[in-house]
C-alpha atoms as a PDB file:
ATOM      1  CA  MET A   1      76.600  98.555  90.571  1.00  0.00           C
ATOM      2  CA  LYS A   2      80.462  97.220  91.828  1.00  0.00           C
ATOM      3  CA  VAL A   3      81.440  93.757  91.678  1.00  0.00           C
ATOM      4  CA  ARG A   4      84.616  92.180  93.382  1.00  0.00           C
ATOM      5  CA  VAL A   5      86.409  90.085  92.234  1.00  0.00           C
ATOM      6  CA  THR A   6      88.761  87.545  94.105  1.00  0.00           C
ATOM      7  CA  ARG A   7      91.717  85.024  93.499  1.00  0.00           C
ATOM      8  CA  LYS A   8      91.093  81.713  95.302  1.00  0.00           C
ATOM      9  CA  GLN A   9      94.821  80.185  96.387  1.00  0.00           C
ATOM     10  CA  SER A  10      95.098  77.629  94.564  1.00  0.00           C
ATOM     11  CA  ASP A  11      95.873  73.878  95.829  1.00  0.00           C
ATOM     12  CA  THR A  12      98.158  73.257  93.849  1.00  0.00           C
ATOM     13  CA  PRO A  13     101.654  75.585  93.854  1.00  0.00           C
ATOM     14  CA  ILE A  14     102.538  76.529  90.074  1.00  0.00           C
ATOM     15  CA  PRO A  15     105.697  73.831  89.851  1.00  0.00           C
ATOM     16  CA  VAL A  16     109.492  76.152  88.485  1.00  0.00           C
ATOM     17  CA  ALA A  17     111.880  74.546  87.217  1.00  0.00           C
ATOM     18  CA  ILE A  18     115.552  75.788  88.629  1.00  0.00           C
ATOM     19  CA  HIS A  19     119.467  74.412  86.915  1.00  0.00           C
ATOM     20  CA  THR A  20     120.777  74.734  90.106  1.00  0.00           C
ATOM     21  CA  GLU A  21     120.714  72.912  93.014  1.00  0.00           C
ATOM     22  CA  PHE A  22     119.662  75.887  95.264  1.00  0.00           C
ATOM     23  CA  ILE A  23     118.231  79.844  94.072  1.00  0.00           C
ATOM     24  CA  LYS A  24     118.057  82.417  96.510  1.00  0.00           C
ATOM     25  CA  LEU A  25     114.515  83.617  97.530  1.00  0.00           C
ATOM     26  CA  GLN A  26     115.090  86.851  96.112  1.00  0.00           C
ATOM     27  CA  ASP A  27     115.780  85.410  92.791  1.00  0.00           C
ATOM     28  CA  PHE A  28     113.327  83.555  92.621  1.00  0.00           C
ATOM     29  CA  LEU A  29     110.785  86.080  93.327  1.00  0.00           C
ATOM     30  CA  LYS A  30     112.386  87.709  90.215  1.00  0.00           C
ATOM     31  CA  PHE A  31     112.117  84.233  87.933  1.00  0.00           C
ATOM     32  CA  CYS A  32     109.520  83.226  88.106  1.00  0.00           C
ATOM     33  CA  ASP A  33     107.846  86.611  87.299  1.00  0.00           C
ATOM     34  CA  ALA A  34     106.222  86.896  90.973  1.00  0.00           C
ATOM     35  CA  VAL A  35     108.293  90.592  91.639  1.00  0.00           C
ATOM     36  CA  SER A  36     110.273  93.277  88.284  1.00  0.00           C
ATOM     37  CA  SER A  37     112.541  94.230  90.178  1.00  0.00           C
ATOM     38  CA  GLY A  38     115.763  92.609  92.939  1.00  0.00           C
ATOM     39  CA  GLY A  39     113.991  96.174  95.315  1.00  0.00           C
ATOM     40  CA  MET A  40     110.889  95.448  94.924  1.00  0.00           C
ATOM     41  CA  ALA A  41     111.339  91.460  95.648  1.00  0.00           C
ATOM     42  CA  LYS A  42     113.223  92.802  99.011  1.00  0.00           C
ATOM     43  CA  ASN A  43     110.827  95.450 100.007  1.00  0.00           C
ATOM     44  CA  PHE A  44     108.027  92.539 100.268  1.00  0.00           C
ATOM     45  CA  ILE A  45     110.503  89.348 101.612  1.00  0.00           C
ATOM     46  CA  GLN A  46     111.700  92.363 104.312  1.00  0.00           C
ATOM     47  CA  ASN A  47     108.044  93.409 105.334  1.00  0.00           C
ATOM     48  CA  GLY A  48     107.257  89.545 105.792  1.00  0.00           C
ATOM     49  CA  GLU A  49     104.855  89.119 103.031  1.00  0.00           C
ATOM     50  CA  ILE A  50     106.145  85.808 101.830  1.00  0.00           C
ATOM     51  CA  ALA A  51     106.337  82.826 102.877  1.00  0.00           C
ATOM     52  CA  VAL A  52     108.246  79.750 102.466  1.00  0.00           C
ATOM     53  CA  ASN A  53     106.643  76.158 103.252  1.00  0.00           C
ATOM     54  CA  GLY A  54     104.072  77.883 105.145  1.00  0.00           C
ATOM     55  CA  GLU A  55     106.201  80.110 107.171  1.00  0.00           C
ATOM     56  CA  THR A  56     106.944  84.239 106.840  1.00  0.00           C
ATOM     57  CA  GLU A  57     110.536  84.346 105.396  1.00  0.00           C
ATOM     58  CA  THR A  58     112.283  87.779 105.717  1.00  0.00           C
ATOM     59  CA  ARG A  59     115.790  86.913 104.824  1.00  0.00           C
ATOM     60  CA  ARG A  60     116.599  87.726 101.348  1.00  0.00           C
ATOM     61  CA  GLY A  61     118.946  85.330 101.224  1.00  0.00           C
ATOM     62  CA  ARG A  62     116.944  82.285 102.102  1.00  0.00           C
ATOM     63  CA  LYS A  63     118.334  79.314  99.997  1.00  0.00           C
ATOM     64  CA  LEU A  64     115.148  77.264  98.340  1.00  0.00           C
ATOM     65  CA  TYR A  65     115.780  73.706  97.062  1.00  0.00           C
ATOM     66  CA  PRO A  66     113.316  71.294  94.808  1.00  0.00           C
ATOM     67  CA  GLY A  67     111.299  71.093  97.446  1.00  0.00           C
ATOM     68  CA  ASP A  68     109.831  74.344  98.604  1.00  0.00           C
ATOM     69  CA  VAL A  69     107.063  75.825  98.292  1.00  0.00           C
ATOM     70  CA  VAL A  70     107.520  80.252  98.359  1.00  0.00           C
ATOM     71  CA  SER A  71     103.894  82.312  98.877  1.00  0.00           C
ATOM     72  CA  PHE A  72     102.997  85.341  97.765  1.00  0.00           C
ATOM     73  CA  GLY A  73      99.451  86.522  98.183  1.00  0.00           C
ATOM     74  CA  PRO A  74      97.067  84.472  96.352  1.00  0.00           C
ATOM     75  CA  ASN A  75     100.156  82.839  95.091  1.00  0.00           C
ATOM     76  CA  ARG A  76     102.165  79.779  95.380  1.00  0.00           C
ATOM     77  CA  TRP A  77     104.906  78.075  93.679  1.00  0.00           C
ATOM     78  CA  GLN A  78     107.103  74.901  94.525  1.00  0.00           C
ATOM     79  CA  VAL A  79     110.587  74.757  93.447  1.00  0.00           C
ATOM     80  CA  THR A  80     111.714  71.994  90.986  1.00  0.00           C
ATOM     81  CA  ALA A  81     114.524  70.538  89.984  1.00  0.00           C
ATOM     82  CA  HIS A  82     115.261  70.959  85.937  1.00  0.00           C
ATOM     83  CA  GLU A  83     115.215  67.515  84.385  1.00  0.00           C
ATOM     84  CA  ALA A  84     117.768  67.171  82.095  1.00  0.00           C
END
């Protein structure tokens, strides 16, 4: 008997604090451990598998600012500002 397990997409994105004014999309995916390398990030982004604020994003250098929400598969992260 096979059991199929699926992850439910959370309605609440995981907050990820950045210490700068912005972060590039490719760097953000590595920073939050969504991918293990820049090459993987590049491929996922170019294949249209990443969404920013609900819209498919194909630019690796897209600047993310606090408040932006990044979606990749069942995962969602929200960029937040680092509190001093």
